[in-house]
Amino acid sequence: MIKSNKSGPTRRQFLAGGGALAMTTLASTRVLSNSQKGTRMKLAIVGTGSRGSRSWGKPVVDSYSDVVELVGLCDINSKRVHAAKALMGTQAPTYLDFDRMVQETKPDVVMVTTVDSTHYRYINRAMELGRDVITEKPMCTDEAQCQSILDMQKKTGRKVTVTFNARYGPEDMKVKELLLDKAIGDLTSVDFHEYLDTSHGADYFRRWHRLKENSGTLLVHKASHHFDQANWWLDSDPVEVTAQGDLKFYGRNHSFRSTHCRVCPFQKQCPFYWNVTQNPVYVKLYTDCESEDGYLRDGCVWAENTNIYDTMSVAVKYASGVLMSYTATTYLPYEGQSIAFNGTKGRLDYRSFKGGGYSENELRLTRSFGKSEVIKDMATRREGEHGGSDTSLRDMIFRSPGGSDPLNLRADLRAGALASLVGIAAYRSIERGGQKVRIADLVKL
């Protein structure tokens, strides 16, 4: 039973806590929505921070109430769960006890949007209580958690869906189409470079993500998006990983620091000073709730206990023989990606950058012994977060759960496991001095 109340663990204590894949006929044929039957999916959410309340809860209430009924909200912070309820505009009951919420509200599906390292607890317990699961990425943060989810799914036959919104961008879907059409022949290698700027990248180092025991490092929390994209684009399983990583900019790499920005004596000196009180939603969800658990949303990016990497390089070998080189840097003057697919008949380049007075967004196909062209025939970009990808993802989950999916956009348990496992293998490789780590040695797929 998963419980939380004032006599139980604080959020700080909670954050420090640890942790054959073939779907059964029942799981593979079950759909998440009952809309075709004229009834609504009953959805409960555990974890009511920004992602749970703003990316899922409020959009469900505002845009999907005809097909989804929000029946319960759960968080270990009593003030936050009530603040989230008000922000969502729902009458759903609130809980501190997860088991009680599930037993009383009887949801069809539980959505998990808690701290990364706790996802597996709620995923497993929800399945144990007879519920399907939708979970935010990453599905898990270490190999033991991953194996426990795989074993529980096999035992219960429940369905797990992982919310990889990075598959749903117009350029991302077009890349998938071009690779399926063999536009550059047989794929041989991929160069994948992620650039995070001093706003987005720094924010991970203000929050709970900066502790490896919470996030599994950014190789799991952030890069699982990218590893899932690569696995999906390549339509192949990752088999071997080697990596290097270091903390070269944030954390201990500074001459002064404080606990958090609001009380920092160096506000005028620090270029990373950030005033959380200027964001009214964050005030309601976080600063007004600090008395319950002590969690500081505006933590210092120079905190000496930071133990994740801000500079990362990963090499991945796939079952198909394709090799991928991946890098991520978190303190750059602009934000974006540079992804190149090399094939026997050409190259496909996707470049997207913004910031520092620089902006570029281009998908270019260059054929060997042929012309180079910018690809413009893509799906219309939609309104919403992450360039409209969140909207498309929610539509697929809530409005078209059993509909046509020619690009295989839906991410299931296996996809969630493999995306996390590349990141897990990467940080294990770093821990072992850059040794090769085989995915098959981490879990039994």
Protein backbone atom coordinates (compact mmCIF):
# COMPACT_ATOMS: atom_id res chain seq x y z
CA MET A 1 0.00 0.00 0.00
CA ILE A 2 1.34 3.44 -0.91
CA LYS A 3 0.40 6.06 1.64
CA SER A 4 1.42 9.56 2.50
CA ASN A 5 0.23 11.81 5.30
CA LYS A 6 1.69 14.21 7.83
CA SER A 7 2.87 11.37 10.02
CA GLY A 8 4.56 9.72 7.04
CA PRO A 9 7.66 10.68 5.00
CA THR A 10 8.20 14.25 3.90
CA ARG A 11 8.61 15.05 0.22
CA ARG A 12 12.34 15.50 0.81
CA GLN A 13 12.57 12.04 2.34
CA PHE A 14 10.37 10.65 -0.39
CA LEU A 15 12.55 12.19 -3.11
CA ALA A 16 15.58 10.49 -1.66
CA GLY A 17 13.93 7.06 -1.91
CA GLY A 18 15.07 4.54 -4.43
CA GLY A 19 13.66 2.05 -6.24
CA ALA A 20 8.79 -12.29 -21.73
CA LEU A 21 7.89 -8.54 -22.44
CA ALA A 22 5.34 -9.55 -25.09
CA MET A 23 2.00 -8.05 -24.18
CA THR A 24 -0.79 -10.47 -23.36
CA THR A 25 -3.82 -10.62 -25.58
CA LEU A 26 -5.77 -8.75 -22.94
CA ALA A 27 -3.26 -5.92 -22.72
CA SER A 28 -2.70 -5.59 -26.44
CA THR A 29 -6.38 -5.39 -27.27
CA ARG A 30 -7.57 -3.27 -24.34
CA VAL A 31 -8.16 0.38 -25.27
CA LEU A 32 -7.75 3.28 -22.90
CA SER A 33 -10.99 5.06 -23.80
CA ASN A 34 -14.59 3.98 -23.56
CA SER A 35 -15.80 6.76 -25.83
CA GLN A 36 -16.91 4.33 -28.53
CA LYS A 37 -19.20 2.74 -25.96
CA GLY A 38 -20.66 6.11 -25.05
CA THR A 39 -18.91 6.25 -21.66
CA ARG A 40 -15.97 8.29 -20.48
CA MET A 41 -12.59 7.04 -19.36
CA LYS A 42 -12.20 7.43 -15.62
CA LEU A 43 -8.75 8.92 -15.01
CA ALA A 44 -6.89 9.45 -11.71
CA ILE A 45 -3.61 11.40 -11.45
CA VAL A 46 -0.84 10.84 -8.92
CA GLY A 47 1.68 13.70 -8.76
CA THR A 48 0.15 17.18 -9.05
CA GLY A 49 3.17 19.37 -9.74
CA SER A 50 3.49 21.39 -12.91
CA ARG A 51 3.53 18.41 -15.30
CA GLY A 52 0.62 16.60 -13.67
CA SER A 53 -1.58 19.64 -13.26
CA ARG A 54 -0.68 21.83 -16.23
CA SER A 55 0.31 19.38 -18.98
CA TRP A 56 -2.33 16.78 -18.17
CA GLY A 57 -4.90 17.74 -15.54
CA LYS A 58 -6.03 21.13 -16.82
CA PRO A 59 -6.05 20.15 -20.53
CA VAL A 60 -8.12 17.06 -19.65
CA VAL A 61 -10.64 19.21 -17.80
CA ASP A 62 -10.71 21.94 -20.45
CA SER A 63 -10.54 19.94 -23.69
CA TYR A 64 -11.37 16.27 -23.10
CA SER A 65 -14.23 16.24 -20.62
CA ASP A 66 -16.47 14.66 -23.24
CA VAL A 67 -14.31 11.51 -23.27
CA VAL A 68 -12.42 11.64 -19.95
CA GLU A 69 -13.69 12.02 -16.40
CA LEU A 70 -11.05 13.13 -13.90
CA VAL A 71 -12.00 11.15 -10.78
CA GLY A 72 -9.11 11.67 -8.35
CA LEU A 73 -5.93 13.60 -7.56
CA CYS A 74 -3.14 12.36 -5.31
CA ASP A 75 0.05 13.94 -4.01
CA ILE A 76 2.20 13.57 -0.91
CA ASN A 77 1.89 17.34 -0.34
CA SER A 78 -1.60 18.23 0.93
CA LYS A 79 -1.30 21.91 0.02
CA ARG A 80 -0.11 21.16 -3.49
CA VAL A 81 -2.88 18.72 -4.32
CA HIS A 82 -5.50 21.27 -3.27
CA ALA A 83 -3.76 24.06 -5.19
CA ALA A 84 -3.61 21.83 -8.27
CA LYS A 85 -7.31 21.03 -7.95
CA ALA A 86 -8.14 24.74 -8.02
CA LEU A 87 -5.80 25.41 -10.95
CA MET A 88 -7.33 22.55 -12.94
CA GLY A 89 -10.88 23.71 -12.24
CA THR A 90 -12.07 20.24 -11.25
CA GLN A 91 -14.29 18.87 -8.51
CA ALA A 92 -12.33 15.61 -8.36
CA PRO A 93 -11.57 14.52 -4.78
CA THR A 94 -8.02 14.83 -3.44
CA TYR A 95 -5.96 12.22 -1.62
CA LEU A 96 -2.66 11.72 0.18
CA ASP A 97 -3.09 7.94 0.12
CA PHE A 98 -2.67 6.40 -3.34
CA ASP A 99 -4.32 3.07 -2.53
CA ARG A 100 -7.33 4.80 -1.06
CA MET A 101 -7.73 6.97 -4.14
CA VAL A 102 -7.69 3.97 -6.45
CA GLN A 103 -10.01 1.91 -4.29
CA GLU A 104 -12.55 4.71 -3.80
CA THR A 105 -12.56 6.31 -7.26
CA LYS A 106 -12.12 3.08 -9.27
CA PRO A 107 -10.34 4.68 -12.25
CA ASP A 108 -9.93 2.90 -15.55
CA VAL A 109 -6.48 4.43 -15.88
CA VAL A 110 -3.94 5.93 -13.48
CA MET A 111 -1.66 8.68 -14.76
CA VAL A 112 1.75 8.84 -13.07
CA THR A 113 3.45 12.26 -12.99
CA THR A 114 5.48 12.04 -9.79
CA VAL A 115 9.24 12.39 -9.25
CA ASP A 116 11.02 10.13 -11.77
CA SER A 117 12.51 7.69 -9.27
CA THR A 118 9.04 6.98 -7.86
CA HIS A 119 7.27 6.25 -11.16
CA TYR A 120 7.81 2.51 -10.81
CA ARG A 121 6.11 2.39 -7.40
CA TYR A 122 2.87 3.84 -8.69
CA ILE A 123 3.01 2.03 -12.03
CA ASN A 124 3.41 -1.31 -10.28
CA ARG A 125 0.85 -0.62 -7.57
CA ALA A 126 -1.71 0.61 -10.09
CA MET A 127 -1.32 -2.58 -12.13
CA GLU A 128 -1.49 -4.64 -8.94
CA LEU A 129 -4.80 -2.92 -8.16
CA GLY A 130 -6.12 -3.83 -11.61
CA ARG A 131 -5.62 -0.52 -13.44
CA ASP A 132 -4.01 0.43 -16.73
CA VAL A 133 -1.32 3.11 -16.56
CA ILE A 134 -0.22 6.18 -18.45
CA THR A 135 3.16 7.37 -17.22
CA GLU A 136 5.30 10.37 -17.94
CA LYS A 137 8.80 9.71 -19.16
CA PRO A 138 11.09 8.30 -17.95
CA MET A 139 9.26 5.11 -17.07
CA CYS A 140 12.01 4.22 -14.56
CA THR A 141 15.44 5.38 -13.44
CA ASP A 142 17.39 2.16 -12.84
CA GLU A 143 17.45 -1.41 -14.07
CA ALA A 144 15.82 -2.90 -10.96
CA GLN A 145 12.84 -0.58 -11.32
CA CYS A 146 12.59 -1.48 -14.99
CA GLN A 147 12.62 -5.20 -14.31
CA SER A 148 9.97 -4.83 -11.62
CA ILE A 149 7.62 -3.07 -14.07
CA LEU A 150 8.21 -5.71 -16.76
CA ASP A 151 7.52 -8.48 -14.26
CA MET A 152 4.38 -6.80 -12.88
CA GLN A 153 2.96 -6.25 -16.36
CA LYS A 154 3.54 -9.87 -17.23
CA LYS A 155 1.88 -10.93 -13.98
CA THR A 156 -1.18 -8.65 -14.28
CA GLY A 157 -1.64 -8.25 -18.05
CA ARG A 158 -2.34 -4.53 -17.61
CA LYS A 159 -1.41 -1.92 -20.21
CA VAL A 160 1.29 0.73 -19.77
CA THR A 161 1.50 3.74 -22.08
CA VAL A 162 4.49 6.12 -21.95
CA THR A 163 4.01 9.75 -22.96
CA PHE A 164 6.83 10.45 -25.42
CA ASN A 165 5.60 13.69 -26.96
CA ALA A 166 8.84 14.11 -28.94
CA ARG A 167 7.51 11.68 -31.55
CA TYR A 168 4.68 14.05 -32.48
CA GLY A 169 6.39 17.11 -33.96
CA PRO A 170 5.87 17.71 -37.71
CA GLU A 171 9.60 17.32 -38.43
CA ASP A 172 9.87 14.21 -36.26
CA MET A 173 7.00 12.51 -38.07
CA LYS A 174 8.38 13.53 -41.46
CA VAL A 175 11.77 12.02 -40.58
CA LYS A 176 9.99 8.77 -39.76
CA GLU A 177 8.18 8.83 -43.12
CA LEU A 178 11.38 9.48 -45.06
CA LEU A 179 13.25 6.70 -43.29
CA LEU A 180 10.38 4.28 -43.89
CA ASP A 181 10.48 5.26 -47.58
CA LYS A 182 14.26 4.58 -47.69
CA ALA A 183 14.88 8.13 -48.91
CA ILE A 184 18.56 7.80 -47.96
CA GLY A 185 18.83 4.05 -48.54
CA ASP A 186 19.81 1.80 -45.68
CA LEU A 187 20.61 3.74 -42.52
CA THR A 188 24.18 3.34 -41.25
CA SER A 189 24.68 5.94 -38.50
CA VAL A 190 23.07 8.82 -36.62
CA ASP A 191 24.63 11.98 -35.18
CA PHE A 192 22.32 13.37 -32.47
CA HIS A 193 23.28 16.55 -30.64
CA GLU A 194 21.11 18.22 -28.01
CA TYR A 195 21.77 21.82 -26.95
CA LEU A 196 20.16 23.24 -23.80
CA ASP A 197 20.53 26.93 -23.06
CA THR A 198 21.17 28.86 -19.85
CA SER A 199 17.41 29.10 -19.21
CA HIS A 200 16.04 25.63 -19.95
CA GLY A 201 19.23 23.77 -19.14
CA ALA A 202 19.82 25.66 -15.91
CA ASP A 203 16.31 24.95 -14.66
CA TYR A 204 17.08 21.26 -14.22
CA PHE A 205 19.78 22.27 -11.75
CA ARG A 206 17.35 24.34 -9.67
CA ARG A 207 15.02 21.42 -9.11
CA TRP A 208 15.01 17.87 -7.75
CA HIS A 209 16.45 16.69 -11.06
CA ARG A 210 19.94 17.73 -9.95
CA LEU A 211 20.10 14.69 -7.68
CA LYS A 212 20.85 11.43 -9.45
CA GLU A 213 18.77 9.46 -6.95
CA ASN A 214 15.69 11.41 -8.10
CA SER A 215 16.14 11.67 -11.86
CA GLY A 216 18.62 9.01 -12.90
CA THR A 217 20.62 11.98 -14.31
CA LEU A 218 19.58 13.90 -17.41
CA LEU A 219 20.65 10.87 -19.45
CA VAL A 220 17.43 9.30 -18.17
CA HIS A 221 15.13 12.21 -17.35
CA LYS A 222 15.80 14.36 -20.41
CA ALA A 223 17.58 12.10 -22.88
CA SER A 224 15.00 9.30 -22.66
CA HIS A 225 12.99 11.53 -25.02
CA HIS A 226 15.82 11.44 -27.51
CA PHE A 227 16.67 7.78 -27.07
CA ASP A 228 13.02 6.95 -27.67
CA GLN A 229 13.06 9.05 -30.83
CA ALA A 230 16.14 7.24 -32.06
CA ASN A 231 14.73 3.79 -31.23
CA TRP A 232 11.49 4.72 -33.00
CA TRP A 233 13.14 6.26 -36.05
CA LEU A 234 15.54 3.35 -36.45
CA ASP A 235 12.92 0.69 -35.66
CA SER A 236 15.63 -1.32 -33.95
CA ASP A 237 16.64 -2.25 -30.42
CA PRO A 238 19.69 -0.68 -28.75
CA VAL A 239 22.10 -3.42 -27.67
CA GLU A 240 25.34 -1.79 -26.46
CA VAL A 241 26.13 1.57 -24.85
CA THR A 242 29.33 3.38 -23.88
CA ALA A 243 29.38 6.86 -22.39
CA GLN A 244 31.32 9.68 -20.80
CA GLY A 245 29.89 12.45 -18.63
CA ASP A 246 30.93 15.12 -16.19
CA LEU A 247 29.69 18.10 -14.17
CA LYS A 248 31.71 20.89 -15.76
CA PHE A 249 29.59 24.02 -15.28
CA TYR A 250 26.89 23.88 -12.58
CA GLY A 251 27.05 22.64 -8.99
CA ARG A 252 30.47 22.82 -7.40
CA ASN A 253 31.91 24.78 -10.35
CA HIS A 254 31.40 28.24 -8.87
CA SER A 255 32.83 30.52 -6.20
CA PHE A 256 29.57 31.40 -4.41
CA ARG A 257 26.18 29.82 -3.76
CA SER A 258 23.10 29.89 -1.58
CA THR A 259 20.23 27.57 -0.74
CA HIS A 260 17.77 29.22 -3.15
CA CYS A 261 17.35 32.40 -5.14
CA ARG A 262 14.85 34.22 -2.91
CA VAL A 263 17.28 34.48 -0.01
CA CYS A 264 20.51 34.63 -1.97
CA PRO A 265 22.88 37.48 -1.02
CA PHE A 266 24.40 37.33 -4.52
CA GLN A 267 21.23 38.11 -6.50
CA LYS A 268 22.79 41.08 -8.30
CA GLN A 269 26.00 39.20 -9.09
CA CYS A 270 24.56 35.89 -10.28
CA PRO A 271 23.41 35.69 -13.91
CA PHE A 272 21.30 32.67 -12.94
CA TYR A 273 19.22 34.51 -10.34
CA TRP A 274 15.58 33.60 -10.99
CA ASN A 275 12.54 35.12 -9.28
CA VAL A 276 10.01 32.31 -8.88
CA THR A 277 7.47 34.71 -7.35
CA GLN A 278 6.92 36.25 -10.79
CA ASN A 279 5.21 33.02 -11.88
CA PRO A 280 1.80 32.88 -10.13
CA VAL A 281 1.26 29.20 -10.98
CA TYR A 282 4.61 28.21 -9.46
CA VAL A 283 3.80 30.28 -6.38
CA LYS A 284 0.58 28.30 -5.88
CA LEU A 285 2.08 24.89 -6.66
CA TYR A 286 5.44 25.29 -4.98
CA THR A 287 6.34 28.31 -2.84
CA ASP A 288 2.98 28.32 -1.04
CA CYS A 289 3.45 24.59 -0.35
CA GLU A 290 7.01 24.64 1.03
CA SER A 291 5.84 24.40 4.63
CA GLU A 292 4.63 20.84 3.94
CA ASP A 293 7.85 19.34 2.61
CA GLY A 294 10.60 21.93 2.29
CA TYR A 295 10.90 21.55 -1.49
CA LEU A 296 12.42 24.70 -3.04
CA ARG A 297 11.47 25.30 -6.66
CA ASP A 298 14.13 28.02 -7.00
CA GLY A 299 17.08 26.02 -5.69
CA CYS A 300 20.61 27.24 -6.35
CA VAL A 301 22.16 26.00 -9.61
CA TRP A 302 25.52 25.99 -7.81
CA ALA A 303 24.40 23.56 -5.08
CA GLU A 304 27.36 21.46 -4.00
CA ASN A 305 25.28 18.30 -3.65
CA THR A 306 24.48 18.29 -7.38
CA ASN A 307 25.53 14.86 -8.64
CA ILE A 308 24.22 14.66 -12.21
CA TYR A 309 26.14 15.48 -15.39
CA ASP A 310 25.81 18.68 -17.40
CA THR A 311 28.06 17.49 -20.25
CA MET A 312 27.37 14.07 -21.81
CA SER A 313 28.53 11.92 -24.72
CA VAL A 314 27.01 8.53 -25.56
CA ALA A 315 27.66 5.89 -28.23
CA VAL A 316 24.88 3.39 -28.96
CA LYS A 317 25.00 0.28 -31.15
CA TYR A 318 21.71 -1.09 -32.46
CA ALA A 319 20.69 -4.62 -33.36
CA SER A 320 20.43 -3.47 -36.98
CA GLY A 321 24.09 -2.47 -36.94
CA VAL A 322 23.34 1.26 -36.96
CA LEU A 323 25.65 3.35 -34.77
CA MET A 324 24.48 6.48 -32.96
CA SER A 325 26.60 9.23 -31.44
CA TYR A 326 24.66 11.36 -28.91
CA THR A 327 25.77 14.45 -27.01
CA ALA A 328 23.95 16.79 -24.63
CA THR A 329 25.22 20.07 -23.19
CA THR A 330 23.17 22.14 -20.74
CA TYR A 331 24.72 25.65 -20.52
CA LEU A 332 24.82 26.97 -24.08
CA PRO A 333 23.82 30.40 -25.47
CA TYR A 334 21.04 28.91 -27.59
CA GLU A 335 18.63 25.98 -27.50
CA GLY A 336 18.09 23.33 -30.13
CA GLN A 337 19.05 20.12 -31.85
CA SER A 338 21.20 18.97 -34.71
CA ILE A 339 20.33 15.47 -35.91
CA ALA A 340 21.82 13.81 -38.98
CA PHE A 341 20.92 10.43 -40.48
CA ASN A 342 23.58 8.90 -42.72
CA GLY A 343 22.57 6.26 -45.26
CA THR A 344 23.86 4.32 -48.23
CA LYS A 345 22.09 6.72 -50.63
CA GLY A 346 22.31 10.06 -48.88
CA ARG A 347 21.91 12.09 -45.71
CA LEU A 348 19.01 13.65 -43.85
CA ASP A 349 19.71 16.68 -41.64
CA TYR A 350 17.36 18.21 -39.10
CA ARG A 351 18.50 21.42 -37.44
CA SER A 352 16.42 23.49 -35.05
CA PHE A 353 17.90 26.34 -32.99
CA LYS A 354 16.61 29.40 -31.22
CA GLY A 355 18.23 31.95 -28.92
CA GLY A 356 21.09 34.39 -28.73
CA GLY A 357 19.80 36.21 -31.80
CA TYR A 358 20.01 32.97 -33.80
CA SER A 359 17.09 31.02 -35.22
CA GLU A 360 16.95 28.11 -37.64
CA ASN A 361 14.52 25.33 -38.42
CA GLU A 362 15.28 23.13 -41.41
CA LEU A 363 14.84 19.54 -42.54
CA ARG A 364 17.14 18.86 -45.51
CA LEU A 365 17.42 15.77 -47.70
CA THR A 366 20.63 15.35 -49.68
CA ARG A 367 20.88 12.40 -52.04
CA SER A 368 24.22 10.91 -53.02
CA PHE A 369 25.11 11.99 -56.58
CA GLY A 370 21.94 14.10 -56.54
CA LYS A 371 20.43 17.34 -55.36
CA SER A 372 19.95 18.73 -51.87
CA GLU A 373 16.46 19.93 -51.00
CA VAL A 374 14.68 21.44 -48.03
CA ILE A 375 11.64 19.35 -47.08
CA LYS A 376 8.54 21.50 -46.64
CA ASP A 377 5.72 18.98 -47.05
CA MET A 378 4.99 18.38 -43.38
CA ALA A 379 2.02 18.26 -41.03
CA THR A 380 0.73 21.63 -39.84
CA ARG A 381 2.20 22.69 -36.53
CA ARG A 382 -0.46 22.75 -33.84
CA GLU A 383 -1.10 25.10 -30.94
CA GLY A 384 0.10 24.07 -27.51
CA GLU A 385 3.17 23.17 -25.49
CA HIS A 386 6.27 21.71 -27.15
CA GLY A 387 5.27 23.05 -30.54
CA GLY A 388 1.84 21.42 -30.37
CA SER A 389 3.27 17.94 -29.77
CA ASP A 390 1.52 17.70 -26.41
CA THR A 391 -1.84 18.34 -28.05
CA SER A 392 -1.26 15.65 -30.66
CA LEU A 393 -0.14 13.19 -27.99
CA ARG A 394 -3.22 13.83 -25.85
CA ASP A 395 -5.47 13.44 -28.88
CA MET A 396 -3.89 10.08 -29.69
CA ILE A 397 -4.30 8.83 -26.12
CA PHE A 398 -7.76 10.14 -25.34
CA ARG A 399 -9.56 10.51 -28.69
CA SER A 400 -7.99 7.86 -30.88
CA PRO A 401 -6.67 5.08 -28.64
CA GLY A 402 -7.55 2.33 -31.10
CA GLY A 403 -7.25 4.31 -34.32
CA SER A 404 -4.89 3.95 -37.25
CA ASP A 405 -1.23 4.55 -36.39
CA PRO A 406 0.88 4.07 -39.54
CA LEU A 407 3.92 5.82 -38.02
CA ASN A 408 3.73 3.79 -34.79
CA LEU A 409 3.43 6.95 -32.70
CA ARG A 410 2.03 5.19 -29.66
CA ALA A 411 4.73 4.31 -27.13
CA ASP A 412 4.07 1.18 -25.11
CA LEU A 413 5.80 -0.53 -22.21
CA ARG A 414 8.59 -1.90 -24.36
CA ALA A 415 9.35 1.51 -25.84
CA GLY A 416 9.36 3.05 -22.37
CA ALA A 417 11.71 0.38 -21.07
CA LEU A 418 14.21 0.67 -23.93
CA ALA A 419 14.30 4.48 -23.83
CA SER A 420 15.09 4.44 -20.10
CA LEU A 421 17.55 1.58 -20.47
CA VAL A 422 19.77 3.47 -22.91
CA GLY A 423 20.11 6.26 -20.35
CA ILE A 424 20.59 3.80 -17.49
CA ALA A 425 23.25 1.95 -19.47
CA ALA A 426 24.92 5.28 -20.23
CA TYR A 427 25.26 6.35 -16.60
CA ARG A 428 26.36 2.83 -15.63
CA SER A 429 29.06 3.10 -18.29
CA ILE A 430 30.19 6.45 -16.87
CA GLU A 431 30.27 4.97 -13.36
CA ARG A 432 32.47 2.16 -14.70
CA GLY A 433 34.98 4.42 -16.40
CA GLY A 434 33.48 4.26 -19.89
CA GLN A 435 33.08 0.50 -20.07
CA LYS A 436 30.66 -1.00 -22.58
CA VAL A 437 27.28 -1.91 -21.10
CA ARG A 438 24.94 -4.39 -22.78
CA ILE A 439 21.22 -3.78 -22.46
CA ALA A 440 20.65 -7.52 -22.15
CA ASP A 441 22.82 -7.55 -19.02
CA LEU A 442 20.59 -4.99 -17.31
CA VAL A 443 17.15 -6.60 -17.65
CA LYS A 444 15.48 -9.65 -19.09
CA LEU A 445 13.39 -8.49 -22.00
